Amino acid sequence: MIFSVSGVEINPTIPLIVAFIISFFTSMGGVSGAFLLLPFQVSVLGFTSPSVSATNHVFNIIAIPSGVWRYVKERRMVWPLTWAVIIGTLPGVIIGAWLRLEYLPNPKNFKLFAGFVLLYIGARLIIETFKKEKQKGTAQKGEASGEKPDFIITETLFSLRQAEFSFSGQRFVFSVPSVFSLCFIVGIIGGIYGIGGGAIIAPFFVAIFHLPVYAVAGAALMGTFVTSIAGVIIYQFLAHLYSDMSVSPDWHLGVLFGIGGFLNASKRAFEALLDCLFKRAHESK
């Protein structure tokens, strides 16, 4: 099958399988997997025009909703943080899309930019892996002592100066203007690359704002979903201004990738629903 916009010729089942496999691993960390899907499109499929970034946003729009539903269902969505992420990131995504077309239309330059983004994400994942091992040891000690934490978000407060929420028996506070500023920068990077920015911003929330990983994942994923919608709209609009290059998304390819991600996220959401039902049934006995 030949996809007209991207010029890619491939069996339509391959995008489904690739997106499903990528989402299987990345959804565990609360990210959609778009940051890994783009290198596959560029390096394996040879899809190097600016429309690859827009196509990546299409993947997010389809793949993310079921994952977001899971976080809402588990009461792990920090709404003050989510709104801060969305409001801060949206302007950056618009600017990033314009920068992509104006300064990085050349595949060589874009690959270099994407490489630096992947290098950062890889480094942060390695650092966070070692941190999680230490936290795991601490959690095991807590379980041995009979402590039973409740992993849900409660008592959320929001103002233009700061936001607060309770999670697992602890109170967390963060500066709203600082989150806005950080999200604006991440939005620019995400707009250029073709991701909402969840994979980039989540480590900052953990390392700089000292927020728990379990709490920030839902906000990052929701922010990625909303900003990806904006990304697709802005790329579609800019396609009329940059008629000399391929800018608008390859909808057919993006939808196939999205379905693969959606199937995996839906599977995990369904498992979470069953787990919740079993727990309630056990508690009622």
Protein backbone atom coordinates (compact mmCIF):
# COMPACT_ATOMS: atom_id res chain seq x y z
CA MET A 1 0.00 0.00 0.00
CA ILE A 2 1.28 3.48 -0.95
CA PHE A 3 0.46 6.43 1.32
CA SER A 4 0.07 9.43 -0.97
CA VAL A 5 1.13 12.26 1.37
CA SER A 6 4.28 10.65 2.79
CA GLY A 7 5.12 8.56 -0.26
CA VAL A 8 5.68 5.56 2.02
CA GLU A 9 5.01 2.13 0.53
CA ILE A 10 4.42 -0.48 3.23
CA ASN A 11 2.08 -3.26 4.34
CA PRO A 12 -0.66 -1.49 6.40
CA THR A 13 -0.33 -4.04 9.21
CA ILE A 14 3.25 -2.96 9.95
CA PRO A 15 2.34 0.54 11.30
CA LEU A 16 -0.27 -1.12 13.53
CA ILE A 17 2.20 -3.65 14.94
CA VAL A 18 5.04 -1.15 15.40
CA ALA A 19 2.82 1.36 17.22
CA PHE A 20 1.37 -1.40 19.41
CA ILE A 21 4.84 -2.62 20.45
CA ILE A 22 6.15 0.90 21.13
CA SER A 23 3.06 1.83 23.16
CA PHE A 24 3.31 -1.42 25.12
CA PHE A 25 6.57 -0.23 26.68
CA THR A 26 6.09 3.56 26.78
CA SER A 27 2.58 3.50 28.26
CA MET A 28 4.07 2.03 31.44
CA GLY A 29 5.73 5.40 32.02
CA GLY A 30 2.71 7.50 31.10
CA VAL A 31 3.94 8.59 27.65
CA SER A 32 2.36 7.83 24.28
CA GLY A 33 5.47 6.64 22.46
CA ALA A 34 5.42 9.32 19.76
CA PHE A 35 9.05 10.21 20.55
CA LEU A 36 10.09 6.71 19.38
CA LEU A 37 7.61 6.50 16.53
CA LEU A 38 9.10 9.51 14.74
CA PRO A 39 12.62 7.97 14.38
CA PHE A 40 10.97 4.85 12.91
CA GLN A 41 9.14 6.96 10.33
CA VAL A 42 12.22 9.01 9.46
CA SER A 43 14.93 6.32 9.47
CA VAL A 44 13.02 3.16 8.49
CA LEU A 45 10.16 4.43 6.33
CA GLY A 46 12.11 7.35 4.85
CA PHE A 47 9.35 9.82 5.76
CA THR A 48 11.45 12.98 6.21
CA SER A 49 9.24 15.90 5.10
CA PRO A 50 7.80 18.30 7.73
CA SER A 51 4.48 16.45 7.53
CA VAL A 52 6.05 13.63 9.56
CA SER A 53 5.77 15.87 12.65
CA ALA A 54 2.09 16.50 11.95
CA THR A 55 1.51 12.76 11.37
CA ASN A 56 3.06 12.04 14.74
CA HIS A 57 0.49 14.35 16.33
CA VAL A 58 -2.30 12.36 14.63
CA PHE A 59 -0.95 9.22 16.31
CA ASN A 60 -1.19 10.93 19.71
CA ILE A 61 -4.78 12.05 19.16
CA ILE A 62 -5.95 8.50 18.50
CA ALA A 63 -3.67 6.55 20.83
CA ILE A 64 -3.92 8.63 24.02
CA PRO A 65 -7.64 8.91 25.03
CA SER A 66 -7.98 5.42 26.51
CA GLY A 67 -4.78 5.94 28.51
CA VAL A 68 -6.10 9.26 29.86
CA TRP A 69 -9.36 7.54 30.83
CA ARG A 70 -7.35 5.04 32.86
CA TYR A 71 -5.65 7.77 34.90
CA VAL A 72 -8.97 9.52 35.49
CA LYS A 73 -10.58 6.23 36.52
CA GLU A 74 -7.75 5.51 38.97
CA ARG A 75 -8.05 9.07 40.38
CA ARG A 76 -4.44 9.77 39.48
CA MET A 77 -5.13 12.88 37.37
CA VAL A 78 -3.73 16.05 38.98
CA TRP A 79 -6.11 18.54 37.37
CA PRO A 80 -4.30 21.73 38.53
CA LEU A 81 -1.08 20.40 37.01
CA THR A 82 -2.92 19.23 33.90
CA TRP A 83 -4.42 22.67 33.20
CA ALA A 84 -1.06 24.32 33.87
CA VAL A 85 0.57 21.98 31.34
CA ILE A 86 -2.10 22.59 28.69
CA ILE A 87 -2.17 26.39 29.06
CA GLY A 88 1.61 26.66 29.16
CA THR A 89 2.33 24.26 26.30
CA LEU A 90 -0.22 25.39 23.69
CA PRO A 91 1.52 28.67 22.65
CA GLY A 92 4.84 26.82 22.46
CA VAL A 93 3.42 24.16 20.12
CA ILE A 94 2.22 26.85 17.71
CA ILE A 95 5.64 28.53 17.69
CA GLY A 96 7.39 25.16 17.38
CA ALA A 97 5.37 24.18 14.31
CA TRP A 98 6.35 27.45 12.61
CA LEU A 99 10.04 26.99 13.53
CA ARG A 100 9.95 23.46 12.10
CA LEU A 101 8.86 24.76 8.70
CA GLU A 102 10.93 27.93 8.69
CA TYR A 103 14.28 26.66 9.99
CA LEU A 104 14.25 22.84 10.01
CA PRO A 105 12.64 21.69 6.73
CA ASN A 106 15.91 20.03 5.72
CA PRO A 107 15.92 16.34 6.75
CA LYS A 108 19.58 16.44 7.83
CA ASN A 109 19.05 19.36 10.23
CA PHE A 110 15.82 17.89 11.57
CA LYS A 111 17.48 14.52 12.22
CA LEU A 112 20.17 16.31 14.21
CA PHE A 113 17.54 18.10 16.29
CA ALA A 114 15.58 14.87 16.83
CA GLY A 115 18.79 13.12 17.87
CA PHE A 116 19.44 15.67 20.63
CA VAL A 117 15.84 15.30 21.88
CA LEU A 118 16.18 11.50 21.99
CA LEU A 119 19.56 11.80 23.71
CA TYR A 120 18.00 13.91 26.44
CA ILE A 121 15.03 11.57 26.90
CA GLY A 122 17.33 8.53 27.00
CA ALA A 123 19.58 10.13 29.61
CA ARG A 124 16.62 11.11 31.78
CA LEU A 125 15.15 7.60 31.57
CA ILE A 126 18.44 6.06 32.71
CA ILE A 127 18.68 8.48 35.64
CA GLU A 128 15.04 7.90 36.63
CA THR A 129 15.53 4.12 36.45
CA PHE A 130 18.24 4.24 39.12
CA LYS A 131 16.10 6.58 41.23
CA LYS A 132 13.14 4.20 41.00
CA GLU A 133 15.30 1.33 42.26
CA LYS A 134 16.08 3.33 45.40
CA GLN A 135 12.43 4.35 45.83
CA LYS A 136 11.40 0.73 45.38
CA GLY A 137 13.62 -0.30 48.26
CA THR A 138 12.09 2.41 50.45
CA ALA A 139 8.57 1.35 49.50
CA GLN A 140 9.32 -2.27 50.38
CA LYS A 141 10.47 -1.19 53.82
CA GLY A 142 7.21 0.72 54.24
CA GLU A 143 5.19 -2.35 53.28
CA ALA A 144 7.14 -4.47 55.75
CA SER A 145 6.27 -2.03 58.52
CA GLY A 146 2.55 -2.37 57.72
CA GLU A 147 2.11 0.95 55.87
CA LYS A 148 -0.46 0.86 53.08
CA PRO A 149 -0.30 4.00 50.88
CA ASP A 150 -3.35 5.12 48.93
CA PHE A 151 -2.27 6.08 45.41
CA ILE A 152 -5.02 8.57 44.51
CA ILE A 153 -5.11 12.37 44.11
CA THR A 154 -7.09 14.32 46.71
CA GLU A 155 -7.52 17.87 48.07
CA THR A 156 -6.46 19.78 44.95
CA LEU A 157 -6.17 23.58 45.10
CA PHE A 158 -5.30 25.94 42.25
CA SER A 159 -4.49 29.65 41.94
CA LEU A 160 -2.41 31.78 39.57
CA ARG A 161 0.47 31.69 42.06
CA GLN A 162 0.61 28.07 43.17
CA ALA A 163 -1.23 24.75 43.14
CA GLU A 164 -1.45 22.00 45.74
CA PHE A 165 -2.60 18.40 45.95
CA SER A 166 -2.37 15.40 48.24
CA PHE A 167 -1.06 12.04 47.08
CA SER A 168 -0.20 8.90 49.03
CA GLY A 169 -0.55 10.73 52.33
CA GLN A 170 1.78 13.61 51.33
CA ARG A 171 1.10 17.24 50.39
CA PHE A 172 2.74 18.62 47.23
CA VAL A 173 2.98 22.29 46.20
CA PHE A 174 4.29 23.75 42.95
CA SER A 175 4.62 27.23 41.43
CA VAL A 176 2.13 27.77 38.59
CA PRO A 177 4.19 30.50 36.79
CA SER A 178 7.25 28.22 36.86
CA VAL A 179 5.26 25.35 35.34
CA PHE A 180 3.87 27.72 32.68
CA SER A 181 7.39 28.84 31.73
CA LEU A 182 8.75 25.31 31.57
CA CYS A 183 5.78 24.05 29.55
CA PHE A 184 6.13 26.92 27.07
CA ILE A 185 9.71 25.85 26.28
CA VAL A 186 8.74 22.18 26.11
CA GLY A 187 5.81 23.09 23.83
CA ILE A 188 8.21 24.66 21.33
CA ILE A 189 10.37 21.51 21.31
CA GLY A 190 7.29 19.30 21.05
CA GLY A 191 5.85 21.37 18.22
CA ILE A 192 9.06 21.01 16.21
CA TYR A 193 9.54 17.30 16.93
CA GLY A 194 5.91 16.25 16.61
CA ILE A 195 5.14 15.20 20.17
CA GLY A 196 2.97 16.85 22.78
CA GLY A 197 5.92 17.03 25.15
CA GLY A 198 4.90 14.56 27.88
CA ALA A 199 8.07 12.51 27.54
CA ILE A 200 10.15 15.68 27.92
CA ILE A 201 8.29 17.47 30.67
CA ALA A 202 7.60 14.57 33.06
CA PRO A 203 11.25 14.21 34.17
CA PHE A 204 11.37 17.96 34.91
CA PHE A 205 8.33 17.68 37.16
CA VAL A 206 10.02 14.89 39.08
CA ALA A 207 13.55 16.33 39.25
CA ILE A 208 12.85 20.07 39.64
CA PHE A 209 9.40 20.29 41.23
CA HIS A 210 9.83 17.06 43.24
CA LEU A 211 6.43 15.71 42.21
CA PRO A 212 5.75 11.94 42.34
CA VAL A 213 6.03 9.98 39.08
CA TYR A 214 2.65 8.32 39.61
CA ALA A 215 1.01 11.74 39.89
CA VAL A 216 2.63 13.54 36.94
CA ALA A 217 2.13 10.79 34.34
CA GLY A 218 -1.60 11.48 33.87
CA ALA A 219 -1.12 15.25 33.56
CA ALA A 220 1.69 14.79 31.04
CA LEU A 221 -0.42 12.40 28.96
CA MET A 222 -3.49 14.68 28.98
CA GLY A 223 -1.30 17.66 28.07
CA THR A 224 0.18 15.67 25.18
CA PHE A 225 -3.31 14.82 23.91
CA VAL A 226 -4.63 18.39 23.92
CA THR A 227 -1.48 19.95 22.47
CA SER A 228 -1.35 17.28 19.74
CA ILE A 229 -4.82 18.37 18.63
CA ALA A 230 -3.50 21.94 18.44
CA GLY A 231 -0.41 20.68 16.59
CA VAL A 232 -2.46 18.99 13.87
CA ILE A 233 -4.63 22.08 13.44
CA ILE A 234 -1.67 24.46 13.15
CA TYR A 235 0.22 22.20 10.70
CA GLN A 236 -2.92 21.89 8.59
CA PHE A 237 -3.25 25.68 8.59
CA LEU A 238 0.42 26.29 7.79
CA ALA A 239 0.17 23.90 4.84
CA HIS A 240 -1.63 26.68 2.96
CA LEU A 241 1.22 29.12 3.66
CA TYR A 242 4.04 26.70 2.82
CA SER A 243 2.63 25.20 -0.37
CA ASP A 244 6.13 24.40 -1.68
CA MET A 245 6.60 21.56 0.84
CA SER A 246 4.64 18.69 2.35
CA VAL A 247 3.26 20.01 5.66
CA SER A 248 -0.20 18.59 6.38
CA PRO A 249 -0.32 15.18 8.10
CA ASP A 250 -0.55 11.87 6.31
CA TRP A 251 -3.90 11.00 7.85
CA HIS A 252 -4.03 7.40 6.65
CA LEU A 253 -0.59 6.55 8.03
CA GLY A 254 -1.18 8.51 11.23
CA VAL A 255 -4.51 6.78 11.85
CA LEU A 256 -2.94 3.33 11.40
CA PHE A 257 -0.20 4.18 13.90
CA GLY A 258 -2.83 5.62 16.22
CA ILE A 259 -4.98 2.49 16.11
CA GLY A 260 -1.98 0.39 17.11
CA GLY A 261 -1.32 2.64 20.10
CA PHE A 262 -5.00 2.81 20.98
CA LEU A 263 -5.34 -0.99 21.03
CA ASN A 264 -2.51 -1.30 23.54
CA ALA A 265 -3.71 1.58 25.73
CA SER A 266 -7.28 0.22 25.62
CA LYS A 267 -6.01 -3.19 26.69
CA ARG A 268 -4.27 -1.67 29.71
CA ALA A 269 -7.30 0.48 30.53
CA PHE A 270 -9.53 -2.60 30.37
CA GLU A 271 -7.15 -4.47 32.68
CA ALA A 272 -7.26 -1.53 35.12
CA LEU A 273 -11.07 -1.56 35.04
CA LEU A 274 -11.18 -5.30 35.76
CA ASP A 275 -8.68 -4.87 38.58
CA CYS A 276 -10.83 -2.09 40.07
CA LEU A 277 -13.98 -4.23 39.85
CA PHE A 278 -12.26 -7.21 41.48
CA LYS A 279 -11.00 -5.02 44.31
CA ARG A 280 -14.47 -3.63 44.98
CA ALA A 281 -15.97 -7.10 44.91
CA HIS A 282 -13.34 -8.31 47.39
CA GLU A 283 -13.91 -5.31 49.70
CA SER A 284 -17.67 -5.89 49.75
CA LYS A 285 -17.26 -9.46 51.01
